[in-house]
Amino acid sequence: MSAEKQQKWFQARLRWAMMEEGRGLIRWQESEHIFRSDSRATAFQEALRIGRAKEYSLIPDERNEVAIDYRFAEVTSLEEPGRECTAFEVYLGERKATERIDFDHAFDPEAGVPMSVF
């Protein structure tokens, strides 16, 4: 059995803190990361690596009056859906509609081609 087949899927929710110099915490940011790993322990280490890799700072300049740091705060959850899992759902929330669509409108999702994000 190859090493890839022995790995399991993991889903980690990570949280970053947006910190403003002089004010402290001003916002939380969270995201889901889905990856394969050998075990829960190595999956946790991978989640920590991902979280640290996404930290950054904005230093004061003509656009920013104060320093702002995006700091990795925690792994809020680490789930193991298992090897046989073939799909994941990541709920992205809701937003208010800005366009008008009548109740009788028929959507046609087959007519559109999704854009590539990579």
PDB file of N, CA and C in Angstrom:
ATOM      1  N   MET A   1       0.845  -1.176   0.000  1.00  0.00           N
ATOM      2  CA  MET A   1       0.000   0.000   0.000  1.00  0.00           C
ATOM      3  C   MET A   1       0.895   1.246   0.000  1.00  0.00           C
ATOM      4  N   SER A   2       0.625   2.212  -0.857  1.00  0.00           N
ATOM      5  CA  SER A   2       1.468   3.409  -0.928  1.00  0.00           C
ATOM      6  C   SER A   2       1.219   4.316   0.273  1.00  0.00           C
ATOM      7  N   ALA A   3       2.194   5.211   0.505  1.00  0.00           N
ATOM      8  CA  ALA A   3       2.081   6.137   1.640  1.00  0.00           C
ATOM      9  C   ALA A   3       0.860   7.033   1.497  1.00  0.00           C
ATOM     10  N   GLU A   4       0.544   7.436   0.250  1.00  0.00           N
ATOM     11  CA  GLU A   4      -0.612   8.311   0.046  1.00  0.00           C
ATOM     12  C   GLU A   4      -1.903   7.600   0.432  1.00  0.00           C
ATOM     13  N   LYS A   5      -2.038   6.324   0.107  1.00  0.00           N
ATOM     14  CA  LYS A   5      -3.251   5.577   0.442  1.00  0.00           C
ATOM     15  C   LYS A   5      -3.395   5.376   1.949  1.00  0.00           C
ATOM     16  N   GLN A   6      -2.294   5.391   2.691  1.00  0.00           N
ATOM     17  CA  GLN A   6      -2.344   5.221   4.136  1.00  0.00           C
ATOM     18  C   GLN A   6      -2.730   6.506   4.852  1.00  0.00           C
ATOM     19  N   GLN A   7      -2.621   7.628   4.186  1.00  0.00           N
ATOM     20  CA  GLN A   7      -2.957   8.892   4.822  1.00  0.00           C
ATOM     21  C   GLN A   7      -4.472   9.052   4.923  1.00  0.00           C
ATOM     22  N   LYS A   8      -4.880   9.824   5.928  1.00  0.00           N
ATOM     23  CA  LYS A   8      -6.295  10.103   6.161  1.00  0.00           C
ATOM     24  C   LYS A   8      -6.556  11.578   5.909  1.00  0.00           C
ATOM     25  N   TRP A   9      -7.807  11.894   5.635  1.00  0.00           N
ATOM     26  CA  TRP A   9      -8.204  13.292   5.484  1.00  0.00           C
ATOM     27  C   TRP A   9      -8.408  13.918   6.855  1.00  0.00           C
ATOM     28  N   PHE A  10      -8.027  15.183   6.962  1.00  0.00           N
ATOM     29  CA  PHE A  10      -8.264  15.977   8.166  1.00  0.00           C
ATOM     30  C   PHE A  10      -8.821  17.332   7.753  1.00  0.00           C
ATOM     31  N   GLN A  11      -9.656  17.868   8.609  1.00  0.00           N
ATOM     32  CA  GLN A  11     -10.233  19.190   8.398  1.00  0.00           C
ATOM     33  C   GLN A  11      -9.960  20.007   9.653  1.00  0.00           C
ATOM     34  N   ALA A  12      -9.219  21.103   9.479  1.00  0.00           N
ATOM     35  CA  ALA A  12      -8.835  21.940  10.611  1.00  0.00           C
ATOM     36  C   ALA A  12      -9.423  23.334  10.447  1.00  0.00           C
ATOM     37  N   ARG A  13      -9.983  23.863  11.506  1.00  0.00           N
ATOM     38  CA  ARG A  13     -10.421  25.263  11.527  1.00  0.00           C
ATOM     39  C   ARG A  13      -9.369  26.041  12.306  1.00  0.00           C
ATOM     40  N   LEU A  14      -8.834  27.071  11.646  1.00  0.00           N
ATOM     41  CA  LEU A  14      -7.777  27.878  12.232  1.00  0.00           C
ATOM     42  C   LEU A  14      -8.285  29.289  12.475  1.00  0.00           C
ATOM     43  N   ARG A  15      -7.743  29.938  13.503  1.00  0.00           N
ATOM     44  CA  ARG A  15      -8.167  31.301  13.860  1.00  0.00           C
ATOM     45  C   ARG A  15      -6.939  32.199  14.003  1.00  0.00           C
ATOM     46  N   TRP A  16      -7.058  33.397  13.403  1.00  0.00           N
ATOM     47  CA  TRP A  16      -6.037  34.431  13.517  1.00  0.00           C
ATOM     48  C   TRP A  16      -6.649  35.635  14.186  1.00  0.00           C
ATOM     49  N   ALA A  17      -5.820  36.381  14.909  1.00  0.00           N
ATOM     50  CA  ALA A  17      -6.245  37.615  15.566  1.00  0.00           C
ATOM     51  C   ALA A  17      -5.658  38.794  14.807  1.00  0.00           C
ATOM     52  N   MET A  18      -6.507  39.771  14.485  1.00  0.00           N
ATOM     53  CA  MET A  18      -6.029  41.023  13.895  1.00  0.00           C
ATOM     54  C   MET A  18      -5.814  41.983  15.047  1.00  0.00           C
ATOM     55  N   MET A  19      -4.567  42.330  15.278  1.00  0.00           N
ATOM     56  CA  MET A  19      -4.181  43.155  16.416  1.00  0.00           C
ATOM     57  C   MET A  19      -3.700  44.506  15.918  1.00  0.00           C
ATOM     58  N   GLU A  20      -4.232  45.571  16.517  1.00  0.00           N
ATOM     59  CA  GLU A  20      -3.816  46.922  16.147  1.00  0.00           C
ATOM     60  C   GLU A  20      -3.002  47.522  17.286  1.00  0.00           C
ATOM     61  N   GLU A  21      -1.857  48.084  16.939  1.00  0.00           N
ATOM     62  CA  GLU A  21      -1.001  48.716  17.939  1.00  0.00           C
ATOM     63  C   GLU A  21      -1.783  49.816  18.660  1.00  0.00           C
ATOM     64  N   GLY A  22      -1.766  49.777  19.983  1.00  0.00           N
ATOM     65  CA  GLY A  22      -2.474  50.762  20.783  1.00  0.00           C
ATOM     66  C   GLY A  22      -3.898  50.376  21.126  1.00  0.00           C
ATOM     67  N   ARG A  23      -4.524  49.470  20.371  1.00  0.00           N
ATOM     68  CA  ARG A  23      -5.895  49.038  20.632  1.00  0.00           C
ATOM     69  C   ARG A  23      -5.996  47.572  21.025  1.00  0.00           C
ATOM     70  N   GLY A  24      -5.110  46.747  20.496  1.00  0.00           N
ATOM     71  CA  GLY A  24      -5.205  45.310  20.742  1.00  0.00           C
ATOM     72  C   GLY A  24      -6.076  44.634  19.704  1.00  0.00           C
ATOM     73  N   LEU A  25      -6.796  43.606  20.138  1.00  0.00           N
ATOM     74  CA  LEU A  25      -7.617  42.803  19.232  1.00  0.00           C
ATOM     75  C   LEU A  25      -8.728  43.647  18.618  1.00  0.00           C
ATOM     76  N   ILE A  26      -8.817  43.613  17.284  1.00  0.00           N
ATOM     77  CA  ILE A  26      -9.910  44.327  16.615  1.00  0.00           C
ATOM     78  C   ILE A  26     -10.775  43.400  15.769  1.00  0.00           C
ATOM     79  N   ARG A  27     -10.271  42.202  15.439  1.00  0.00           N
ATOM     80  CA  ARG A  27     -11.059  41.292  14.614  1.00  0.00           C
ATOM     81  C   ARG A  27     -10.468  39.891  14.658  1.00  0.00           C
ATOM     82  N   TRP A  28     -11.338  38.887  14.524  1.00  0.00           N
ATOM     83  CA  TRP A  28     -10.913  37.499  14.365  1.00  0.00           C
ATOM     84  C   TRP A  28     -11.073  37.109  12.896  1.00  0.00           C
ATOM     85  N   GLN A  29     -10.227  36.245  12.421  1.00  0.00           N
ATOM     86  CA  GLN A  29     -10.361  35.682  11.080  1.00  0.00           C
ATOM     87  C   GLN A  29     -10.249  34.172  11.214  1.00  0.00           C
ATOM     88  N   GLU A  30     -11.154  33.431  10.571  1.00  0.00           N
ATOM     89  CA  GLU A  30     -11.113  31.969  10.615  1.00  0.00           C
ATOM     90  C   GLU A  30     -11.174  31.399   9.216  1.00  0.00           C
ATOM     91  N   SER A  31     -10.571  30.245   9.034  1.00  0.00           N
ATOM     92  CA  SER A  31     -10.701  29.527   7.770  1.00  0.00           C
ATOM     93  C   SER A  31     -10.563  28.034   8.014  1.00  0.00           C
ATOM     94  N   GLU A  32     -11.112  27.271   7.085  1.00  0.00           N
ATOM     95  CA  GLU A  32     -11.038  25.811   7.115  1.00  0.00           C
ATOM     96  C   GLU A  32      -9.919  25.363   6.192  1.00  0.00           C
ATOM     97  N   HIS A  33      -9.161  24.389   6.613  1.00  0.00           N
ATOM     98  CA  HIS A  33      -8.106  23.808   5.788  1.00  0.00           C
ATOM     99  C   HIS A  33      -8.307  22.299   5.768  1.00  0.00           C
ATOM    100  N   ILE A  34      -8.279  21.743   4.579  1.00  0.00           N
ATOM    101  CA  ILE A  34      -8.516  20.315   4.380  1.00  0.00           C
ATOM    102  C   ILE A  34      -7.256  19.725   3.764  1.00  0.00           C
ATOM    103  N   PHE A  35      -6.725  18.691   4.393  1.00  0.00           N
ATOM    104  CA  PHE A  35      -5.462  18.109   3.947  1.00  0.00           C
ATOM    105  C   PHE A  35      -5.376  16.663   4.395  1.00  0.00           C
ATOM    106  N   ARG A  36      -4.384  15.951   3.874  1.00  0.00           N
ATOM    107  CA  ARG A  36      -4.145  14.563   4.258  1.00  0.00           C
ATOM    108  C   ARG A  36      -2.932  14.493   5.165  1.00  0.00           C
ATOM    109  N   SER A  37      -2.982  13.544   6.094  1.00  0.00           N
ATOM    110  CA  SER A  37      -1.870  13.355   7.015  1.00  0.00           C
ATOM    111  C   SER A  37      -1.869  11.920   7.517  1.00  0.00           C
ATOM    112  N   ASP A  38      -0.741  11.516   8.093  1.00  0.00           N
ATOM    113  CA  ASP A  38      -0.596  10.141   8.576  1.00  0.00           C
ATOM    114  C   ASP A  38      -1.353   9.864   9.864  1.00  0.00           C
ATOM    115  N   SER A  39      -1.436  10.864  10.745  1.00  0.00           N
ATOM    116  CA  SER A  39      -2.057  10.657  12.048  1.00  0.00           C
ATOM    117  C   SER A  39      -2.593  11.985  12.569  1.00  0.00           C
ATOM    118  N   ARG A  40      -3.343  11.910  13.651  1.00  0.00           N
ATOM    119  CA  ARG A  40      -3.865  13.129  14.265  1.00  0.00           C
ATOM    120  C   ARG A  40      -2.724  14.029  14.757  1.00  0.00           C
ATOM    121  N   ALA A  41      -1.686  13.423  15.300  1.00  0.00           N
ATOM    122  CA  ALA A  41      -0.549  14.206  15.802  1.00  0.00           C
ATOM    123  C   ALA A  41       0.152  14.948  14.666  1.00  0.00           C
ATOM    124  N   THR A  42       0.395  14.287  13.546  1.00  0.00           N
ATOM    125  CA  THR A  42       1.041  14.973  12.418  1.00  0.00           C
ATOM    126  C   THR A  42       0.081  15.959  11.760  1.00  0.00           C
ATOM    127  N   ALA A  43      -1.212  15.678  11.795  1.00  0.00           N
ATOM    128  CA  ALA A  43      -2.201  16.623  11.263  1.00  0.00           C
ATOM    129  C   ALA A  43      -2.208  17.903  12.101  1.00  0.00           C
ATOM    130  N   PHE A  44      -2.088  17.769  13.412  1.00  0.00           N
ATOM    131  CA  PHE A  44      -2.036  18.945  14.272  1.00  0.00           C
ATOM    132  C   PHE A  44      -0.796  19.777  13.961  1.00  0.00           C
ATOM    133  N   GLN A  45       0.328  19.121  13.749  1.00  0.00           N
ATOM    134  CA  GLN A  45       1.556  19.840  13.397  1.00  0.00           C
ATOM    135  C   GLN A  45       1.407  20.551  12.052  1.00  0.00           C
ATOM    136  N   GLU A  46       0.728  19.925  11.106  1.00  0.00           N
ATOM    137  CA  GLU A  46       0.485  20.557   9.809  1.00  0.00           C
ATOM    138  C   GLU A  46      -0.435  21.772   9.957  1.00  0.00           C
ATOM    139  N   ALA A  47      -1.460  21.660  10.788  1.00  0.00           N
ATOM    140  CA  ALA A  47      -2.358  22.791  11.039  1.00  0.00           C
ATOM    141  C   ALA A  47      -1.577  23.950  11.661  1.00  0.00           C
ATOM    142  N   LEU A  48      -0.689  23.652  12.588  1.00  0.00           N
ATOM    143  CA  LEU A  48       0.155  24.695  13.186  1.00  0.00           C
ATOM    144  C   LEU A  48       1.058  25.340  12.137  1.00  0.00           C
ATOM    145  N   ARG A  49       1.627  24.537  11.249  1.00  0.00           N
ATOM    146  CA  ARG A  49       2.490  25.062  10.187  1.00  0.00           C
ATOM    147  C   ARG A  49       1.703  26.003   9.268  1.00  0.00           C
ATOM    148  N   ILE A  50       0.501  25.581   8.869  1.00  0.00           N
ATOM    149  CA  ILE A  50      -0.346  26.407   8.011  1.00  0.00           C
ATOM    150  C   ILE A  50      -0.672  27.723   8.705  1.00  0.00           C
ATOM    151  N   GLY A  51      -1.055  27.646   9.968  1.00  0.00           N
ATOM    152  CA  GLY A  51      -1.410  28.843  10.711  1.00  0.00           C
ATOM    153  C   GLY A  51      -0.262  29.830  10.825  1.00  0.00           C
ATOM    154  N   ARG A  52       0.908  29.352  11.170  1.00  0.00           N
ATOM    155  CA  ARG A  52       2.076  30.226  11.291  1.00  0.00           C
ATOM    156  C   ARG A  52       2.468  30.828   9.933  1.00  0.00           C
ATOM    157  N   ALA A  53       2.319  30.043   8.865  1.00  0.00           N
ATOM    158  CA  ALA A  53       2.711  30.510   7.528  1.00  0.00           C
ATOM    159  C   ALA A  53       1.846  31.668   7.048  1.00  0.00           C
ATOM    160  N   LYS A  54       0.644  31.806   7.576  1.00  0.00           N
ATOM    161  CA  LYS A  54      -0.266  32.868   7.136  1.00  0.00           C
ATOM    162  C   LYS A  54      -0.218  34.114   8.019  1.00  0.00           C
ATOM    163  N   GLU A  55       0.681  34.153   8.989  1.00  0.00           N
ATOM    164  CA  GLU A  55       0.840  35.357   9.801  1.00  0.00           C
ATOM    165  C   GLU A  55       1.525  36.447   8.973  1.00  0.00           C
ATOM    166  N   TYR A  56       1.156  37.706   9.246  1.00  0.00           N
ATOM    167  CA  TYR A  56       1.851  38.815   8.604  1.00  0.00           C
ATOM    168  C   TYR A  56       1.618  40.094   9.388  1.00  0.00           C
ATOM    169  N   SER A  57       2.422  41.107   9.066  1.00  0.00           N
ATOM    170  CA  SER A  57       2.328  42.407   9.722  1.00  0.00           C
ATOM    171  C   SER A  57       2.252  43.507   8.679  1.00  0.00           C
ATOM    172  N   LEU A  58       1.492  44.547   9.006  1.00  0.00           N
ATOM    173  CA  LEU A  58       1.450  45.769   8.213  1.00  0.00           C
ATOM    174  C   LEU A  58       2.132  46.841   9.044  1.00  0.00           C
ATOM    175  N   ILE A  59       3.212  47.359   8.542  1.00  0.00           N
ATOM    176  CA  ILE A  59       3.947  48.372   9.304  1.00  0.00           C
ATOM    177  C   ILE A  59       3.425  49.762   8.943  1.00  0.00           C
ATOM    178  N   PRO A  60       3.542  50.720   9.861  1.00  0.00           N
ATOM    179  CA  PRO A  60       3.045  52.069   9.584  1.00  0.00           C
ATOM    180  C   PRO A  60       3.729  52.680   8.360  1.00  0.00           C
ATOM    181  N   ASP A  61       2.930  53.308   7.493  1.00  0.00           N
ATOM    182  CA  ASP A  61       3.425  54.053   6.339  1.00  0.00           C
ATOM    183  C   ASP A  61       2.385  55.106   5.982  1.00  0.00           C
ATOM    184  N   GLU A  62       2.409  55.616   4.779  1.00  0.00           N
ATOM    185  CA  GLU A  62       1.453  56.662   4.420  1.00  0.00           C
ATOM    186  C   GLU A  62       0.004  56.160   4.387  1.00  0.00           C
ATOM    187  N   ARG A  63      -0.225  54.847   4.236  1.00  0.00           N
ATOM    188  CA  ARG A  63      -1.576  54.287   4.244  1.00  0.00           C
ATOM    189  C   ARG A  63      -2.017  53.828   5.623  1.00  0.00           C
ATOM    190  N   ASN A  64      -1.098  53.311   6.405  1.00  0.00           N
ATOM    191  CA  ASN A  64      -1.396  52.788   7.739  1.00  0.00           C
ATOM    192  C   ASN A  64      -0.723  53.656   8.790  1.00  0.00           C
ATOM    193  N   GLU A  65      -1.525  54.176   9.700  1.00  0.00           N
ATOM    194  CA  GLU A  65      -0.967  55.043  10.742  1.00  0.00           C
ATOM    195  C   GLU A  65      -0.354  54.249  11.893  1.00  0.00           C
ATOM    196  N   VAL A  66      -0.837  53.029  12.095  1.00  0.00           N
ATOM    197  CA  VAL A  66      -0.332  52.187  13.183  1.00  0.00           C
ATOM    198  C   VAL A  66       0.004  50.800  12.648  1.00  0.00           C
ATOM    199  N   ALA A  67       0.787  50.072  13.408  1.00  0.00           N
ATOM    200  CA  ALA A  67       1.126  48.706  13.035  1.00  0.00           C
ATOM    201  C   ALA A  67      -0.073  47.789  13.257  1.00  0.00           C
ATOM    202  N   ILE A  68      -0.266  46.856  12.331  1.00  0.00           N
ATOM    203  CA  ILE A  68      -1.315  45.852  12.445  1.00  0.00           C
ATOM    204  C   ILE A  68      -0.674  44.496  12.227  1.00  0.00           C
ATOM    205  N   ASP A  69      -0.927  43.573  13.136  1.00  0.00           N
ATOM    206  CA  ASP A  69      -0.424  42.207  13.023  1.00  0.00           C
ATOM    207  C   ASP A  69      -1.577  41.244  12.848  1.00  0.00           C
ATOM    208  N   TYR A  70      -1.412  40.282  11.933  1.00  0.00           N
ATOM    209  CA  TYR A  70      -2.315  39.140  11.834  1.00  0.00           C
ATOM    210  C   TYR A  70      -1.557  37.984  12.455  1.00  0.00           C
ATOM    211  N   ARG A  71      -1.974  37.594  13.668  1.00  0.00           N
ATOM    212  CA  ARG A  71      -1.255  36.580  14.430  1.00  0.00           C
ATOM    213  C   ARG A  71      -2.072  35.303  14.520  1.00  0.00           C
ATOM    214  N   PHE A  72      -1.392  34.197  14.297  1.00  0.00           N
ATOM    215  CA  PHE A  72      -2.042  32.898  14.447  1.00  0.00           C
ATOM    216  C   PHE A  72      -2.389  32.700  15.912  1.00  0.00           C
ATOM    217  N   ALA A  73      -3.660  32.416  16.190  1.00  0.00           N
ATOM    218  CA  ALA A  73      -4.111  32.311  17.574  1.00  0.00           C
ATOM    219  C   ALA A  73      -4.331  30.870  18.024  1.00  0.00           C
ATOM    220  N   GLU A  74      -5.004  30.061  17.182  1.00  0.00           N
ATOM    221  CA  GLU A  74      -5.297  28.696  17.634  1.00  0.00           C
ATOM    222  C   GLU A  74      -5.857  27.820  16.528  1.00  0.00           C
ATOM    223  N   VAL A  75      -5.743  26.511  16.755  1.00  0.00           N
ATOM    224  CA  VAL A  75      -6.463  25.522  15.972  1.00  0.00           C
ATOM    225  C   VAL A  75      -7.745  25.279  16.763  1.00  0.00           C
ATOM    226  N   THR A  76      -8.880  25.749  16.245  1.00  0.00           N
ATOM    227  CA  THR A  76     -10.119  25.652  17.021  1.00  0.00           C
ATOM    228  C   THR A  76     -10.764  24.281  16.911  1.00  0.00           C
ATOM    229  N   SER A  77     -10.507  23.571  15.808  1.00  0.00           N
ATOM    230  CA  SER A  77     -11.002  22.197  15.700  1.00  0.00           C
ATOM    231  C   SER A  77     -10.139  21.422  14.725  1.00  0.00           C
ATOM    232  N   LEU A  78     -10.085  20.124  14.938  1.00  0.00           N
ATOM    233  CA  LEU A  78      -9.350  19.226  14.054  1.00  0.00           C
ATOM    234  C   LEU A  78     -10.170  17.950  13.948  1.00  0.00           C
ATOM    235  N   GLU A  79     -10.795  17.766  12.800  1.00  0.00           N
ATOM    236  CA  GLU A  79     -11.671  16.609  12.577  1.00  0.00           C
ATOM    237  C   GLU A  79     -11.001  15.618  11.647  1.00  0.00           C
ATOM    238  N   GLU A  80     -11.354  14.361  11.809  1.00  0.00           N
ATOM    239  CA  GLU A  80     -10.830  13.297  10.962  1.00  0.00           C
ATOM    240  C   GLU A  80     -11.988  12.578  10.275  1.00  0.00           C
ATOM    241  N   PRO A  81     -12.411  13.058   9.100  1.00  0.00           N
ATOM    242  CA  PRO A  81     -13.509  12.387   8.399  1.00  0.00           C
ATOM    243  C   PRO A  81     -13.142  10.981   7.925  1.00  0.00           C
ATOM    244  N   GLY A  82     -11.843  10.678   7.774  1.00  0.00           N
ATOM    245  CA  GLY A  82     -11.413   9.341   7.417  1.00  0.00           C
ATOM    246  C   GLY A  82     -10.955   9.197   5.979  1.00  0.00           C
ATOM    247  N   ARG A  83     -10.434   8.021   5.650  1.00  0.00           N
ATOM    248  CA  ARG A  83      -9.891   7.746   4.320  1.00  0.00           C
ATOM    249  C   ARG A  83     -10.955   7.716   3.243  1.00  0.00           C
ATOM    250  N   GLU A  84     -12.134   7.206   3.580  1.00  0.00           N
ATOM    251  CA  GLU A  84     -13.159   7.003   2.572  1.00  0.00           C
ATOM    252  C   GLU A  84     -13.929   8.275   2.232  1.00  0.00           C
ATOM    253  N   CYS A  85     -13.681   9.345   2.954  1.00  0.00           N
ATOM    254  CA  CYS A  85     -14.372  10.604   2.690  1.00  0.00           C
ATOM    255  C   CYS A  85     -14.026  11.091   1.286  1.00  0.00           C
ATOM    256  N   THR A  86     -15.032  11.437   0.499  1.00  0.00           N
ATOM    257  CA  THR A  86     -14.793  11.910  -0.865  1.00  0.00           C
ATOM    258  C   THR A  86     -15.232  13.348  -1.076  1.00  0.00           C
ATOM    259  N   ALA A  87     -15.888  13.954  -0.093  1.00  0.00           N
ATOM    260  CA  ALA A  87     -16.342  15.335  -0.249  1.00  0.00           C
ATOM    261  C   ALA A  87     -16.406  16.014   1.116  1.00  0.00           C
ATOM    262  N   PHE A  88     -16.219  17.324   1.115  1.00  0.00           N
ATOM    263  CA  PHE A  88     -16.300  18.138   2.315  1.00  0.00           C
ATOM    264  C   PHE A  88     -17.236  19.306   2.049  1.00  0.00           C
ATOM    265  N   GLU A  89     -17.870  19.798   3.090  1.00  0.00           N
ATOM    266  CA  GLU A  89     -18.626  21.040   2.994  1.00  0.00           C
ATOM    267  C   GLU A  89     -17.995  22.041   3.940  1.00  0.00           C
ATOM    268  N   VAL A  90     -17.771  23.229   3.426  1.00  0.00           N
ATOM    269  CA  VAL A  90     -17.271  24.319   4.249  1.00  0.00           C
ATOM    270  C   VAL A  90     -18.292  25.443   4.131  1.00  0.00           C
ATOM    271  N   TYR A  91     -19.067  25.654   5.173  1.00  0.00           N
ATOM    272  CA  TYR A  91     -20.110  26.676   5.178  1.00  0.00           C
ATOM    273  C   TYR A  91     -19.463  28.054   5.187  1.00  0.00           C
ATOM    274  N   LEU A  92     -19.835  28.898   4.243  1.00  0.00           N
ATOM    275  CA  LEU A  92     -19.224  30.212   4.106  1.00  0.00           C
ATOM    276  C   LEU A  92     -20.100  31.344   4.602  1.00  0.00           C
ATOM    277  N   GLY A  93     -21.208  31.045   5.221  1.00  0.00           N
ATOM    278  CA  GLY A  93     -22.065  32.076   5.791  1.00  0.00           C
ATOM    279  C   GLY A  93     -23.100  32.591   4.807  1.00  0.00           C
ATOM    280  N   GLU A  94     -23.723  33.678   5.168  1.00  0.00           N
ATOM    281  CA  GLU A  94     -24.762  34.291   4.355  1.00  0.00           C
ATOM    282  C   GLU A  94     -24.436  35.757   4.166  1.00  0.00           C
ATOM    283  N   ARG A  95     -24.980  36.343   3.110  1.00  0.00           N
ATOM    284  CA  ARG A  95     -24.833  37.779   2.907  1.00  0.00           C
ATOM    285  C   ARG A  95     -26.123  38.310   2.310  1.00  0.00           C
ATOM    286  N   LYS A  96     -26.394  39.552   2.549  1.00  0.00           N
ATOM    287  CA  LYS A  96     -27.606  40.188   2.073  1.00  0.00           C
ATOM    288  C   LYS A  96     -27.564  40.309   0.551  1.00  0.00           C
ATOM    289  N   ALA A  97     -28.695  40.005  -0.100  1.00  0.00           N
ATOM    290  CA  ALA A  97     -28.785  40.131  -1.552  1.00  0.00           C
ATOM    291  C   ALA A  97     -28.790  41.599  -1.942  1.00  0.00           C
ATOM    292  N   THR A  98     -28.031  41.936  -2.965  1.00  0.00           N
ATOM    293  CA  THR A  98     -27.980  43.318  -3.441  1.00  0.00           C
ATOM    294  C   THR A  98     -28.684  43.486  -4.781  1.00  0.00           C
ATOM    295  N   GLU A  99     -29.043  42.378  -5.417  1.00  0.00           N
ATOM    296  CA  GLU A  99     -29.736  42.432  -6.695  1.00  0.00           C
ATOM    297  C   GLU A  99     -31.190  42.005  -6.523  1.00  0.00           C
ATOM    298  N   ARG A 100     -32.024  42.394  -7.486  1.00  0.00           N
ATOM    299  CA  ARG A 100     -33.449  42.029  -7.436  1.00  0.00           C
ATOM    300  C   ARG A 100     -33.683  40.846  -8.355  1.00  0.00           C
ATOM    301  N   ILE A 101     -34.237  39.766  -7.805  1.00  0.00           N
ATOM    302  CA  ILE A 101     -34.618  38.587  -8.592  1.00  0.00           C
ATOM    303  C   ILE A 101     -36.027  38.215  -8.176  1.00  0.00           C
ATOM    304  N   ASP A 102     -36.927  38.140  -9.139  1.00  0.00           N
ATOM    305  CA  ASP A 102     -38.315  37.812  -8.845  1.00  0.00           C
ATOM    306  C   ASP A 102     -38.456  36.381  -8.339  1.00  0.00           C
ATOM    307  N   PHE A 103     -39.512  36.141  -7.577  1.00  0.00           N
ATOM    308  CA  PHE A 103     -39.777  34.830  -6.984  1.00  0.00           C
ATOM    309  C   PHE A 103     -39.905  33.745  -8.048  1.00  0.00           C
ATOM    310  N   ASP A 104     -40.461  34.076  -9.208  1.00  0.00           N
ATOM    311  CA  ASP A 104     -40.693  33.089 -10.269  1.00  0.00           C
ATOM    312  C   ASP A 104     -39.454  32.804 -11.112  1.00  0.00           C
ATOM    313  N   HIS A 105     -38.343  33.413 -10.796  1.00  0.00           N
ATOM    314  CA  HIS A 105     -37.115  33.222 -11.578  1.00  0.00           C
ATOM    315  C   HIS A 105     -36.671  31.760 -11.521  1.00  0.00           C
ATOM    316  N   ALA A 106     -36.274  31.217 -12.674  1.00  0.00           N
ATOM    317  CA  ALA A 106     -35.747  29.846 -12.746  1.00  0.00           C
ATOM    318  C   ALA A 106     -34.231  29.924 -12.936  1.00  0.00           C
ATOM    319  N   PHE A 107     -33.488  29.411 -11.994  1.00  0.00           N
ATOM    320  CA  PHE A 107     -32.037  29.393 -12.101  1.00  0.00           C
ATOM    321  C   PHE A 107     -31.608  28.266 -13.028  1.00  0.00           C
ATOM    322  N   ASP A 108     -30.483  28.448 -13.734  1.00  0.00           N
ATOM    323  CA  ASP A 108     -29.956  27.452 -14.668  1.00  0.00           C
ATOM    324  C   ASP A 108     -28.468  27.252 -14.398  1.00  0.00           C
ATOM    325  N   PRO A 109     -28.109  26.511 -13.333  1.00  0.00           N
ATOM    326  CA  PRO A 109     -26.694  26.369 -12.975  1.00  0.00           C
ATOM    327  C   PRO A 109     -25.868  25.636 -14.032  1.00  0.00           C
ATOM    328  N   GLU A 110     -26.499  24.820 -14.881  1.00  0.00           N
ATOM    329  CA  GLU A 110     -25.760  24.098 -15.921  1.00  0.00           C
ATOM    330  C   GLU A 110     -25.239  25.023 -17.009  1.00  0.00           C
ATOM    331  N   ALA A 111     -25.817  26.202 -17.141  1.00  0.00           N
ATOM    332  CA  ALA A 111     -25.448  27.127 -18.216  1.00  0.00           C
ATOM    333  C   ALA A 111     -24.142  27.861 -17.951  1.00  0.00           C
ATOM    334  N   GLY A 112     -23.719  27.941 -16.711  1.00  0.00           N
ATOM    335  CA  GLY A 112     -22.501  28.677 -16.372  1.00  0.00           C
ATOM    336  C   GLY A 112     -21.318  27.761 -16.211  1.00  0.00           C
ATOM    337  N   VAL A 113     -20.148  28.287 -16.488  1.00  0.00           N
ATOM    338  CA  VAL A 113     -18.890  27.548 -16.281  1.00  0.00           C
ATOM    339  C   VAL A 113     -18.162  28.246 -15.140  1.00  0.00           C
ATOM    340  N   PRO A 114     -17.818  27.508 -14.081  1.00  0.00           N
ATOM    341  CA  PRO A 114     -17.152  28.157 -12.939  1.00  0.00           C
ATOM    342  C   PRO A 114     -15.772  28.667 -13.317  1.00  0.00           C
ATOM    343  N   MET A 115     -15.408  29.789 -12.720  1.00  0.00           N
ATOM    344  CA  MET A 115     -14.073  30.343 -12.955  1.00  0.00           C
ATOM    345  C   MET A 115     -13.048  29.574 -12.141  1.00  0.00           C
ATOM    346  N   SER A 116     -11.830  29.592 -12.604  1.00  0.00           N
ATOM    347  CA  SER A 116     -10.730  28.959 -11.887  1.00  0.00           C
ATOM    348  C   SER A 116     -10.170  29.963 -10.890  1.00  0.00           C
ATOM    349  N   VAL A 117      -9.878  29.508  -9.676  1.00  0.00           N
ATOM    350  CA  VAL A 117      -9.317  30.407  -8.665  1.00  0.00           C
ATOM    351  C   VAL A 117      -7.807  30.260  -8.563  1.00  0.00           C
ATOM    352  N   PHE A 118      -7.231  29.349  -9.314  1.00  0.00           N
ATOM    353  CA  PHE A 118      -5.768  29.153  -9.258  1.00  0.00           C
ATOM    354  C   PHE A 118      -5.133  29.558 -10.558  1.00  0.00           C
TER     355      PHE A 118
END
